[in-house]
Amino acid sequence: MIKHIVMFRVADTAEKAKQLVAMKSELEKLPSKIPQIIEYEVGLNFYIAPQAFDIVLVSSFESKETLQQYAVHPEHVKFIEFINPFRIEVVVVDYEY
């Protein structure tokens, strides 16, 4: 099994709260559209600190191959295109368990 963790930081603008809610909503739609997803959890951060990220995705996949299929799936690509205008940083950790 593969655990895929992604944290996003969004630009501090007047639209930030609205963008985070939209990101969460769009992420939560992906499990019904991408069959490779086994587990999928999305959370908005409430901890305020310089090192804190704004939103996290924790997901599981059967294998490295199914994670790669997810990465190039048209619905996932569409999500990435949606967030690119306002995301400023992304960190990823993928590991086997």
N, C-alpha and C. Protein backbone atom coordinates (compact mmCIF):
# COMPACT_ATOMS: atom_id res chain seq x y z
N MET A 1 0.85 -1.18 0.00
CA MET A 1 0.00 0.00 0.00
C MET A 1 0.89 1.24 0.00
N ILE A 2 0.34 2.30 -0.59
CA ILE A 2 1.04 3.58 -0.68
C ILE A 2 0.21 4.65 0.03
N LYS A 3 0.87 5.41 0.87
CA LYS A 3 0.25 6.59 1.48
C LYS A 3 0.77 7.81 0.73
N HIS A 4 -0.15 8.68 0.35
CA HIS A 4 0.16 9.89 -0.43
C HIS A 4 -0.35 11.08 0.38
N ILE A 5 0.58 11.92 0.83
CA ILE A 5 0.23 13.08 1.65
C ILE A 5 0.67 14.34 0.91
N VAL A 6 -0.25 15.28 0.78
CA VAL A 6 0.03 16.54 0.08
C VAL A 6 -0.46 17.68 0.95
N MET A 7 0.41 18.68 1.13
CA MET A 7 0.02 19.89 1.86
C MET A 7 0.17 21.09 0.93
N PHE A 8 -0.82 21.96 0.98
CA PHE A 8 -0.85 23.13 0.11
C PHE A 8 -0.82 24.40 0.95
N ARG A 9 -0.13 25.39 0.45
CA ARG A 9 -0.17 26.73 1.01
C ARG A 9 -0.74 27.64 -0.08
N VAL A 10 -1.70 28.47 0.32
CA VAL A 10 -2.40 29.36 -0.61
C VAL A 10 -2.01 30.79 -0.29
N ALA A 11 -1.95 31.62 -1.32
CA ALA A 11 -1.60 33.03 -1.14
C ALA A 11 -2.56 33.72 -0.18
N ASP A 12 -2.01 34.59 0.64
CA ASP A 12 -2.82 35.39 1.57
C ASP A 12 -3.48 36.53 0.81
N THR A 13 -4.72 36.33 0.45
CA THR A 13 -5.49 37.36 -0.24
C THR A 13 -6.87 37.44 0.41
N ALA A 14 -7.66 38.39 -0.03
CA ALA A 14 -9.03 38.52 0.46
C ALA A 14 -9.87 37.29 0.11
N GLU A 15 -9.44 36.56 -0.91
CA GLU A 15 -10.18 35.39 -1.39
C GLU A 15 -9.71 34.06 -0.78
N LYS A 16 -8.73 34.12 0.12
CA LYS A 16 -8.11 32.89 0.63
C LYS A 16 -9.12 31.91 1.24
N ALA A 17 -9.96 32.35 2.12
CA ALA A 17 -10.91 31.45 2.78
C ALA A 17 -11.83 30.79 1.75
N LYS A 18 -12.30 31.57 0.80
CA LYS A 18 -13.18 31.05 -0.25
C LYS A 18 -12.43 30.03 -1.12
N GLN A 19 -11.17 30.32 -1.44
CA GLN A 19 -10.37 29.40 -2.26
C GLN A 19 -10.12 28.08 -1.53
N LEU A 20 -9.87 28.14 -0.23
CA LEU A 20 -9.64 26.91 0.53
C LEU A 20 -10.89 26.04 0.59
N VAL A 21 -12.03 26.65 0.78
CA VAL A 21 -13.28 25.89 0.79
C VAL A 21 -13.52 25.26 -0.58
N ALA A 22 -13.24 26.00 -1.63
CA ALA A 22 -13.40 25.47 -2.99
C ALA A 22 -12.42 24.33 -3.25
N MET A 23 -11.17 24.48 -2.80
CA MET A 23 -10.18 23.41 -2.96
C MET A 23 -10.64 22.14 -2.26
N LYS A 24 -11.09 22.29 -1.02
CA LYS A 24 -11.55 21.13 -0.25
C LYS A 24 -12.72 20.45 -0.96
N SER A 25 -13.64 21.24 -1.41
CA SER A 25 -14.81 20.71 -2.11
C SER A 25 -14.40 19.94 -3.37
N GLU A 26 -13.51 20.53 -4.16
CA GLU A 26 -13.07 19.87 -5.40
C GLU A 26 -12.27 18.59 -5.10
N LEU A 27 -11.43 18.63 -4.09
CA LEU A 27 -10.67 17.43 -3.72
C LEU A 27 -11.60 16.30 -3.28
N GLU A 28 -12.63 16.65 -2.52
CA GLU A 28 -13.55 15.64 -2.00
C GLU A 28 -14.38 14.98 -3.09
N LYS A 29 -14.44 15.56 -4.26
CA LYS A 29 -15.18 14.96 -5.39
C LYS A 29 -14.37 13.87 -6.08
N LEU A 30 -13.05 13.89 -5.93
CA LEU A 30 -12.18 12.99 -6.70
C LEU A 30 -12.38 11.50 -6.41
N PRO A 31 -12.62 11.06 -5.18
CA PRO A 31 -12.78 9.62 -4.97
C PRO A 31 -13.92 8.98 -5.77
N SER A 32 -14.97 9.72 -6.03
CA SER A 32 -16.07 9.17 -6.81
C SER A 32 -15.76 9.14 -8.31
N LYS A 33 -14.69 9.83 -8.71
CA LYS A 33 -14.34 9.92 -10.12
C LYS A 33 -13.09 9.13 -10.50
N ILE A 34 -12.28 8.77 -9.49
CA ILE A 34 -11.00 8.11 -9.76
C ILE A 34 -10.97 6.79 -8.99
N PRO A 35 -11.14 5.68 -9.69
CA PRO A 35 -11.28 4.39 -9.01
C PRO A 35 -10.02 3.89 -8.29
N GLN A 36 -8.87 4.43 -8.59
CA GLN A 36 -7.63 3.98 -7.95
C GLN A 36 -7.52 4.40 -6.48
N ILE A 37 -8.32 5.37 -6.06
CA ILE A 37 -8.27 5.87 -4.69
C ILE A 37 -8.89 4.85 -3.75
N ILE A 38 -8.14 4.48 -2.70
CA ILE A 38 -8.66 3.56 -1.68
C ILE A 38 -9.19 4.34 -0.48
N GLU A 39 -8.38 5.25 0.04
CA GLU A 39 -8.78 6.12 1.15
C GLU A 39 -8.44 7.55 0.78
N TYR A 40 -9.23 8.49 1.30
CA TYR A 40 -9.05 9.88 0.91
C TYR A 40 -9.60 10.77 2.01
N GLU A 41 -8.76 11.62 2.56
CA GLU A 41 -9.16 12.52 3.63
C GLU A 41 -8.58 13.91 3.36
N VAL A 42 -9.41 14.92 3.48
CA VAL A 42 -9.00 16.30 3.23
C VAL A 42 -9.30 17.12 4.48
N GLY A 43 -8.33 17.93 4.90
CA GLY A 43 -8.56 18.76 6.08
C GLY A 43 -8.05 20.17 5.89
N LEU A 44 -8.79 21.12 6.46
CA LEU A 44 -8.38 22.52 6.48
C LEU A 44 -7.67 22.80 7.80
N ASN A 45 -6.53 23.43 7.73
CA ASN A 45 -5.75 23.74 8.91
C ASN A 45 -6.37 24.87 9.73
N PHE A 46 -6.33 24.73 11.06
CA PHE A 46 -6.77 25.82 11.93
C PHE A 46 -5.61 26.39 12.75
N TYR A 47 -4.45 25.76 12.68
CA TYR A 47 -3.28 26.19 13.45
C TYR A 47 -2.59 27.33 12.70
N ILE A 48 -2.44 28.46 13.35
CA ILE A 48 -1.84 29.63 12.70
C ILE A 48 -0.39 29.77 13.16
N ALA A 49 0.51 29.57 12.22
CA ALA A 49 1.94 29.71 12.47
C ALA A 49 2.64 29.85 11.13
N PRO A 50 3.81 30.47 11.10
CA PRO A 50 4.51 30.66 9.82
C PRO A 50 4.80 29.35 9.08
N GLN A 51 5.05 28.27 9.81
CA GLN A 51 5.38 27.00 9.17
C GLN A 51 4.14 26.18 8.78
N ALA A 52 2.96 26.64 9.15
CA ALA A 52 1.74 25.88 8.89
C ALA A 52 1.31 25.98 7.43
N PHE A 53 0.79 24.87 6.92
CA PHE A 53 0.18 24.86 5.60
C PHE A 53 -1.33 25.01 5.77
N ASP A 54 -2.02 25.28 4.68
CA ASP A 54 -3.44 25.61 4.76
C ASP A 54 -4.39 24.43 4.63
N ILE A 55 -4.01 23.44 3.85
CA ILE A 55 -4.90 22.32 3.57
C ILE A 55 -4.04 21.07 3.36
N VAL A 56 -4.56 19.93 3.79
CA VAL A 56 -3.82 18.68 3.65
C VAL A 56 -4.73 17.61 3.02
N LEU A 57 -4.09 16.78 2.22
CA LEU A 57 -4.73 15.61 1.63
C LEU A 57 -3.94 14.39 2.08
N VAL A 58 -4.64 13.41 2.65
CA VAL A 58 -4.03 12.14 3.03
C VAL A 58 -4.82 11.06 2.30
N SER A 59 -4.12 10.30 1.44
CA SER A 59 -4.82 9.29 0.65
C SER A 59 -4.00 8.02 0.57
N SER A 60 -4.67 6.94 0.18
CA SER A 60 -4.01 5.64 0.05
C SER A 60 -4.31 5.03 -1.31
N PHE A 61 -3.31 4.31 -1.79
CA PHE A 61 -3.40 3.64 -3.09
C PHE A 61 -2.82 2.24 -2.94
N GLU A 62 -3.23 1.35 -3.81
CA GLU A 62 -2.77 -0.04 -3.75
C GLU A 62 -1.28 -0.18 -4.05
N SER A 63 -0.79 0.64 -4.98
CA SER A 63 0.59 0.47 -5.43
C SER A 63 1.12 1.79 -6.00
N LYS A 64 2.42 1.80 -6.28
CA LYS A 64 3.01 2.96 -6.95
C LYS A 64 2.36 3.18 -8.31
N GLU A 65 2.00 2.10 -8.97
CA GLU A 65 1.37 2.20 -10.29
C GLU A 65 0.00 2.87 -10.22
N THR A 66 -0.79 2.50 -9.21
CA THR A 66 -2.12 3.12 -9.11
C THR A 66 -2.01 4.58 -8.67
N LEU A 67 -0.99 4.90 -7.88
CA LEU A 67 -0.74 6.31 -7.54
C LEU A 67 -0.40 7.10 -8.79
N GLN A 68 0.41 6.52 -9.66
CA GLN A 68 0.77 7.20 -10.92
C GLN A 68 -0.45 7.36 -11.82
N GLN A 69 -1.33 6.36 -11.85
CA GLN A 69 -2.56 6.48 -12.64
C GLN A 69 -3.42 7.62 -12.11
N TYR A 70 -3.49 7.76 -10.79
CA TYR A 70 -4.20 8.87 -10.17
C TYR A 70 -3.58 10.21 -10.59
N ALA A 71 -2.26 10.27 -10.56
CA ALA A 71 -1.55 11.52 -10.85
C ALA A 71 -1.86 12.05 -12.24
N VAL A 72 -2.05 11.17 -13.20
CA VAL A 72 -2.30 11.61 -14.58
C VAL A 72 -3.77 11.52 -14.98
N HIS A 73 -4.61 11.10 -14.05
CA HIS A 73 -6.05 11.00 -14.35
C HIS A 73 -6.58 12.39 -14.72
N PRO A 74 -7.42 12.49 -15.75
CA PRO A 74 -7.92 13.81 -16.20
C PRO A 74 -8.60 14.63 -15.10
N GLU A 75 -9.30 13.97 -14.18
CA GLU A 75 -9.96 14.72 -13.10
C GLU A 75 -8.94 15.29 -12.12
N HIS A 76 -7.87 14.56 -11.86
CA HIS A 76 -6.81 15.08 -10.98
C HIS A 76 -6.08 16.22 -11.67
N VAL A 77 -5.78 16.06 -12.95
CA VAL A 77 -5.11 17.12 -13.71
C VAL A 77 -5.98 18.38 -13.72
N LYS A 78 -7.27 18.20 -13.86
CA LYS A 78 -8.20 19.33 -13.84
C LYS A 78 -8.15 20.05 -12.49
N PHE A 79 -8.05 19.30 -11.40
CA PHE A 79 -7.92 19.92 -10.08
C PHE A 79 -6.64 20.74 -9.98
N ILE A 80 -5.53 20.19 -10.44
CA ILE A 80 -4.25 20.89 -10.40
C ILE A 80 -4.34 22.21 -11.19
N GLU A 81 -4.95 22.16 -12.35
CA GLU A 81 -5.12 23.37 -13.14
C GLU A 81 -5.99 24.40 -12.42
N PHE A 82 -6.99 23.91 -11.68
CA PHE A 82 -7.89 24.79 -10.92
C PHE A 82 -7.13 25.55 -9.83
N ILE A 83 -6.22 24.87 -9.11
CA ILE A 83 -5.54 25.51 -7.98
C ILE A 83 -4.29 26.28 -8.36
N ASN A 84 -3.73 26.04 -9.51
CA ASN A 84 -2.46 26.68 -9.88
C ASN A 84 -2.47 28.21 -9.77
N PRO A 85 -3.55 28.90 -10.09
CA PRO A 85 -3.50 30.36 -10.00
C PRO A 85 -3.31 30.91 -8.57
N PHE A 86 -3.71 30.15 -7.54
CA PHE A 86 -3.63 30.71 -6.19
C PHE A 86 -2.80 29.91 -5.19
N ARG A 87 -2.34 28.75 -5.54
CA ARG A 87 -1.47 28.01 -4.62
C ARG A 87 -0.05 28.56 -4.74
N ILE A 88 0.63 28.66 -3.60
CA ILE A 88 1.98 29.19 -3.64
C ILE A 88 3.03 28.15 -3.27
N GLU A 89 2.61 27.08 -2.60
CA GLU A 89 3.57 26.04 -2.22
C GLU A 89 2.84 24.72 -2.03
N VAL A 90 3.52 23.64 -2.41
CA VAL A 90 2.99 22.29 -2.25
C VAL A 90 4.14 21.41 -1.79
N VAL A 91 3.88 20.57 -0.79
CA VAL A 91 4.85 19.55 -0.39
C VAL A 91 4.16 18.20 -0.43
N VAL A 92 4.92 17.17 -0.79
CA VAL A 92 4.37 15.84 -0.97
C VAL A 92 5.26 14.83 -0.27
N VAL A 93 4.62 13.84 0.34
CA VAL A 93 5.32 12.67 0.87
C VAL A 93 4.55 11.45 0.41
N ASP A 94 5.25 10.52 -0.22
CA ASP A 94 4.69 9.23 -0.63
C ASP A 94 5.52 8.15 0.02
N TYR A 95 4.86 7.18 0.65
CA TYR A 95 5.62 6.09 1.27
C TYR A 95 4.82 4.80 1.23
N GLU A 96 5.55 3.69 1.31
CA GLU A 96 4.91 2.37 1.36
C GLU A 96 4.67 2.00 2.81
N TYR A 97 3.56 1.32 3.04
CA TYR A 97 3.29 0.83 4.39
C TYR A 97 2.64 -0.55 4.33
